[in-house]
Amino acid sequence: MSPPGFFARRTGEVLVFVEVKARSSERFGTAFEAVTTRKQRRIISAARHWIASKKLQDVAVRFDVVAVDMNARPPTLEVLEAAFDV
């Protein structure tokens, strides 16, 4: 099971882990800025545990971040592929 806002999906030969962040204002920074180095380490750790639990080996991994702007009407999504590396 993944933490809220975090999921994995296989795209071809790549296992993609996606962190979804929504913001209704930029008062505390953008959605992308919310994925700090500390948060990245937690995502990577969770991904490693998930991969081990599924007994996957030698799988290519990518970490994406999706930012949701709740102020836009309708809300908009912006995807940053390969947002960070292991």
N, C-alpha and C. Protein backbone atom coordinates (compact mmCIF):
# COMPACT_ATOMS: atom_id res chain seq x y z
N MET A 1 0.84 -1.19 0.00
CA MET A 1 0.00 0.00 0.00
C MET A 1 0.89 1.24 0.00
N SER A 2 0.46 2.28 -0.71
CA SER A 2 1.23 3.52 -0.84
C SER A 2 0.69 4.58 0.12
N PRO A 3 1.55 5.50 0.55
CA PRO A 3 1.05 6.63 1.33
C PRO A 3 0.12 7.47 0.48
N PRO A 4 -0.81 8.23 1.10
CA PRO A 4 -1.70 9.09 0.31
C PRO A 4 -0.90 10.04 -0.57
N GLY A 5 -1.35 10.23 -1.80
CA GLY A 5 -0.68 11.14 -2.72
C GLY A 5 0.50 10.54 -3.44
N PHE A 6 0.72 9.24 -3.25
CA PHE A 6 1.90 8.58 -3.80
C PHE A 6 1.46 7.26 -4.39
N PHE A 7 1.81 7.01 -5.64
CA PHE A 7 1.45 5.74 -6.24
C PHE A 7 2.49 5.32 -7.25
N ALA A 8 2.40 4.07 -7.67
CA ALA A 8 3.35 3.51 -8.63
C ALA A 8 2.59 2.97 -9.82
N ARG A 9 3.23 3.06 -10.98
CA ARG A 9 2.64 2.54 -12.21
C ARG A 9 3.75 2.11 -13.15
N ARG A 10 3.57 0.98 -13.78
CA ARG A 10 4.55 0.51 -14.75
C ARG A 10 4.20 1.11 -16.11
N THR A 11 5.20 1.74 -16.72
CA THR A 11 5.06 2.31 -18.06
C THR A 11 6.11 1.65 -18.92
N GLY A 12 5.68 0.66 -19.71
CA GLY A 12 6.64 -0.10 -20.49
C GLY A 12 7.58 -0.84 -19.57
N GLU A 13 8.87 -0.59 -19.70
CA GLU A 13 9.88 -1.25 -18.87
C GLU A 13 10.26 -0.44 -17.64
N VAL A 14 9.59 0.69 -17.42
CA VAL A 14 9.94 1.58 -16.31
C VAL A 14 8.83 1.59 -15.27
N LEU A 15 9.23 1.45 -14.02
CA LEU A 15 8.29 1.56 -12.90
C LEU A 15 8.33 3.02 -12.44
N VAL A 16 7.21 3.70 -12.55
CA VAL A 16 7.14 5.12 -12.24
C VAL A 16 6.43 5.33 -10.91
N PHE A 17 7.11 5.99 -9.98
CA PHE A 17 6.50 6.38 -8.71
C PHE A 17 6.12 7.84 -8.84
N VAL A 18 4.89 8.16 -8.46
CA VAL A 18 4.36 9.51 -8.66
C VAL A 18 3.91 10.09 -7.33
N GLU A 19 4.40 11.27 -7.02
CA GLU A 19 3.96 12.04 -5.86
C GLU A 19 3.03 13.13 -6.37
N VAL A 20 1.83 13.20 -5.81
CA VAL A 20 0.85 14.20 -6.23
C VAL A 20 0.71 15.23 -5.11
N LYS A 21 0.89 16.49 -5.47
CA LYS A 21 0.78 17.58 -4.51
C LYS A 21 -0.21 18.61 -5.03
N ALA A 22 -1.14 19.00 -4.19
CA ALA A 22 -2.13 20.02 -4.57
C ALA A 22 -1.94 21.25 -3.70
N ARG A 23 -2.16 22.39 -4.30
CA ARG A 23 -2.05 23.66 -3.58
C ARG A 23 -3.22 24.55 -3.98
N SER A 24 -3.80 25.23 -2.97
CA SER A 24 -4.83 26.22 -3.26
C SER A 24 -4.26 27.62 -3.20
N SER A 25 -3.00 27.72 -2.71
CA SER A 25 -2.29 29.00 -2.74
C SER A 25 -0.80 28.69 -2.71
N GLU A 26 0.01 29.69 -3.01
CA GLU A 26 1.46 29.53 -2.95
C GLU A 26 2.03 30.17 -1.69
N ARG A 27 1.17 30.38 -0.72
CA ARG A 27 1.59 31.01 0.53
C ARG A 27 2.76 30.27 1.18
N PHE A 28 2.75 28.95 1.09
CA PHE A 28 3.82 28.15 1.67
C PHE A 28 4.68 27.50 0.59
N GLY A 29 4.67 28.08 -0.60
CA GLY A 29 5.46 27.56 -1.71
C GLY A 29 4.60 26.81 -2.71
N THR A 30 5.21 26.48 -3.83
CA THR A 30 4.49 25.76 -4.87
C THR A 30 4.39 24.28 -4.51
N ALA A 31 3.56 23.58 -5.25
CA ALA A 31 3.43 22.13 -5.05
C ALA A 31 4.76 21.44 -5.30
N PHE A 32 5.47 21.87 -6.32
CA PHE A 32 6.78 21.26 -6.61
C PHE A 32 7.77 21.51 -5.47
N GLU A 33 7.75 22.72 -4.91
CA GLU A 33 8.66 23.04 -3.81
C GLU A 33 8.36 22.22 -2.56
N ALA A 34 7.14 21.70 -2.46
CA ALA A 34 6.76 20.89 -1.29
C ALA A 34 7.45 19.53 -1.28
N VAL A 35 7.98 19.13 -2.43
CA VAL A 35 8.69 17.85 -2.50
C VAL A 35 10.17 18.13 -2.23
N THR A 36 10.45 18.33 -0.97
CA THR A 36 11.79 18.69 -0.50
C THR A 36 12.72 17.48 -0.58
N THR A 37 13.98 17.73 -0.32
CA THR A 37 14.96 16.63 -0.28
C THR A 37 14.55 15.59 0.75
N ARG A 38 14.08 16.03 1.88
CA ARG A 38 13.61 15.09 2.93
C ARG A 38 12.45 14.25 2.41
N LYS A 39 11.48 14.88 1.76
CA LYS A 39 10.33 14.17 1.21
C LYS A 39 10.80 13.19 0.13
N GLN A 40 11.75 13.61 -0.70
CA GLN A 40 12.28 12.72 -1.73
C GLN A 40 12.89 11.47 -1.12
N ARG A 41 13.64 11.64 -0.04
CA ARG A 41 14.24 10.47 0.65
C ARG A 41 13.16 9.53 1.16
N ARG A 42 12.07 10.07 1.69
CA ARG A 42 10.96 9.25 2.18
C ARG A 42 10.28 8.50 1.04
N ILE A 43 10.12 9.17 -0.10
CA ILE A 43 9.51 8.54 -1.26
C ILE A 43 10.40 7.41 -1.77
N ILE A 44 11.70 7.68 -1.86
CA ILE A 44 12.65 6.66 -2.32
C ILE A 44 12.64 5.46 -1.38
N SER A 45 12.61 5.70 -0.09
CA SER A 45 12.57 4.62 0.89
C SER A 45 11.30 3.79 0.73
N ALA A 46 10.17 4.46 0.60
CA ALA A 46 8.90 3.75 0.41
C ALA A 46 8.92 2.95 -0.89
N ALA A 47 9.51 3.52 -1.94
CA ALA A 47 9.61 2.82 -3.23
C ALA A 47 10.46 1.57 -3.10
N ARG A 48 11.58 1.67 -2.40
CA ARG A 48 12.45 0.51 -2.20
C ARG A 48 11.72 -0.60 -1.45
N HIS A 49 10.99 -0.23 -0.42
CA HIS A 49 10.23 -1.23 0.35
C HIS A 49 9.15 -1.87 -0.53
N TRP A 50 8.46 -1.07 -1.31
CA TRP A 50 7.41 -1.58 -2.19
C TRP A 50 8.00 -2.55 -3.22
N ILE A 51 9.12 -2.17 -3.83
CA ILE A 51 9.79 -3.02 -4.82
C ILE A 51 10.20 -4.34 -4.17
N ALA A 52 10.76 -4.27 -2.98
CA ALA A 52 11.17 -5.50 -2.28
C ALA A 52 9.97 -6.37 -1.95
N SER A 53 8.86 -5.76 -1.53
CA SER A 53 7.66 -6.53 -1.17
C SER A 53 7.06 -7.24 -2.37
N LYS A 54 7.28 -6.69 -3.56
CA LYS A 54 6.77 -7.29 -4.80
C LYS A 54 7.79 -8.23 -5.43
N LYS A 55 8.96 -8.32 -4.77
CA LYS A 55 10.06 -9.18 -5.25
C LYS A 55 10.48 -8.85 -6.69
N LEU A 56 10.50 -7.57 -6.98
CA LEU A 56 10.96 -7.10 -8.29
C LEU A 56 12.47 -6.93 -8.24
N GLN A 57 13.15 -7.27 -9.33
CA GLN A 57 14.60 -7.13 -9.39
C GLN A 57 14.98 -6.43 -10.68
N ASP A 58 16.05 -5.66 -10.60
CA ASP A 58 16.60 -5.00 -11.79
C ASP A 58 15.54 -4.25 -12.59
N VAL A 59 14.69 -3.53 -11.90
CA VAL A 59 13.64 -2.76 -12.57
C VAL A 59 14.11 -1.30 -12.69
N ALA A 60 13.88 -0.72 -13.84
CA ALA A 60 14.19 0.70 -14.01
C ALA A 60 13.11 1.51 -13.29
N VAL A 61 13.53 2.55 -12.57
CA VAL A 61 12.62 3.34 -11.75
C VAL A 61 12.73 4.81 -12.11
N ARG A 62 11.58 5.49 -12.09
CA ARG A 62 11.55 6.94 -12.31
C ARG A 62 10.62 7.55 -11.27
N PHE A 63 10.96 8.75 -10.83
CA PHE A 63 10.15 9.47 -9.85
C PHE A 63 9.59 10.74 -10.49
N ASP A 64 8.28 10.81 -10.60
CA ASP A 64 7.60 11.98 -11.16
C ASP A 64 6.87 12.73 -10.05
N VAL A 65 6.61 14.01 -10.30
CA VAL A 65 5.79 14.81 -9.39
C VAL A 65 4.68 15.46 -10.21
N VAL A 66 3.46 15.37 -9.69
CA VAL A 66 2.32 16.02 -10.31
C VAL A 66 1.86 17.14 -9.38
N ALA A 67 1.79 18.35 -9.92
CA ALA A 67 1.33 19.51 -9.16
C ALA A 67 -0.09 19.85 -9.61
N VAL A 68 -0.98 19.99 -8.64
CA VAL A 68 -2.37 20.34 -8.93
C VAL A 68 -2.60 21.75 -8.42
N ASP A 69 -3.01 22.64 -9.32
CA ASP A 69 -3.33 24.03 -8.96
C ASP A 69 -4.83 24.11 -8.73
N MET A 70 -5.23 24.16 -7.47
CA MET A 70 -6.65 24.19 -7.13
C MET A 70 -7.28 25.56 -7.32
N ASN A 71 -6.46 26.61 -7.55
CA ASN A 71 -7.01 27.95 -7.78
C ASN A 71 -7.52 28.11 -9.20
N ALA A 72 -6.94 27.37 -10.12
CA ALA A 72 -7.36 27.46 -11.52
C ALA A 72 -8.77 26.87 -11.65
N ARG A 73 -9.53 27.40 -12.57
CA ARG A 73 -10.88 26.89 -12.83
C ARG A 73 -11.00 26.46 -14.26
N PRO A 74 -11.08 25.19 -14.55
CA PRO A 74 -11.00 24.06 -13.61
C PRO A 74 -9.57 23.88 -13.12
N PRO A 75 -9.37 23.13 -12.03
CA PRO A 75 -8.01 22.89 -11.54
C PRO A 75 -7.12 22.33 -12.64
N THR A 76 -5.84 22.70 -12.60
CA THR A 76 -4.90 22.24 -13.63
C THR A 76 -3.85 21.31 -13.02
N LEU A 77 -3.29 20.48 -13.90
CA LEU A 77 -2.23 19.56 -13.51
C LEU A 77 -0.98 19.89 -14.30
N GLU A 78 0.16 19.80 -13.64
CA GLU A 78 1.44 19.93 -14.31
C GLU A 78 2.29 18.74 -13.87
N VAL A 79 2.86 18.03 -14.84
CA VAL A 79 3.64 16.83 -14.55
C VAL A 79 5.11 17.12 -14.78
N LEU A 80 5.93 16.79 -13.81
CA LEU A 80 7.38 16.90 -13.94
C LEU A 80 7.93 15.48 -13.91
N GLU A 81 8.27 14.97 -15.11
CA GLU A 81 8.83 13.63 -15.21
C GLU A 81 10.28 13.62 -14.76
N ALA A 82 10.68 12.52 -14.14
CA ALA A 82 12.06 12.37 -13.64
C ALA A 82 12.43 13.57 -12.77
N ALA A 83 11.55 13.89 -11.84
CA ALA A 83 11.72 15.06 -10.98
C ALA A 83 12.96 14.96 -10.08
N PHE A 84 13.31 13.73 -9.70
CA PHE A 84 14.51 13.51 -8.90
C PHE A 84 14.99 12.08 -9.10
N ASP A 85 16.23 11.83 -8.70
CA ASP A 85 16.85 10.53 -8.88
C ASP A 85 17.17 9.90 -7.53
N VAL A 86 17.45 8.60 -7.58
CA VAL A 86 17.87 7.88 -6.37
C VAL A 86 19.27 8.28 -6.02
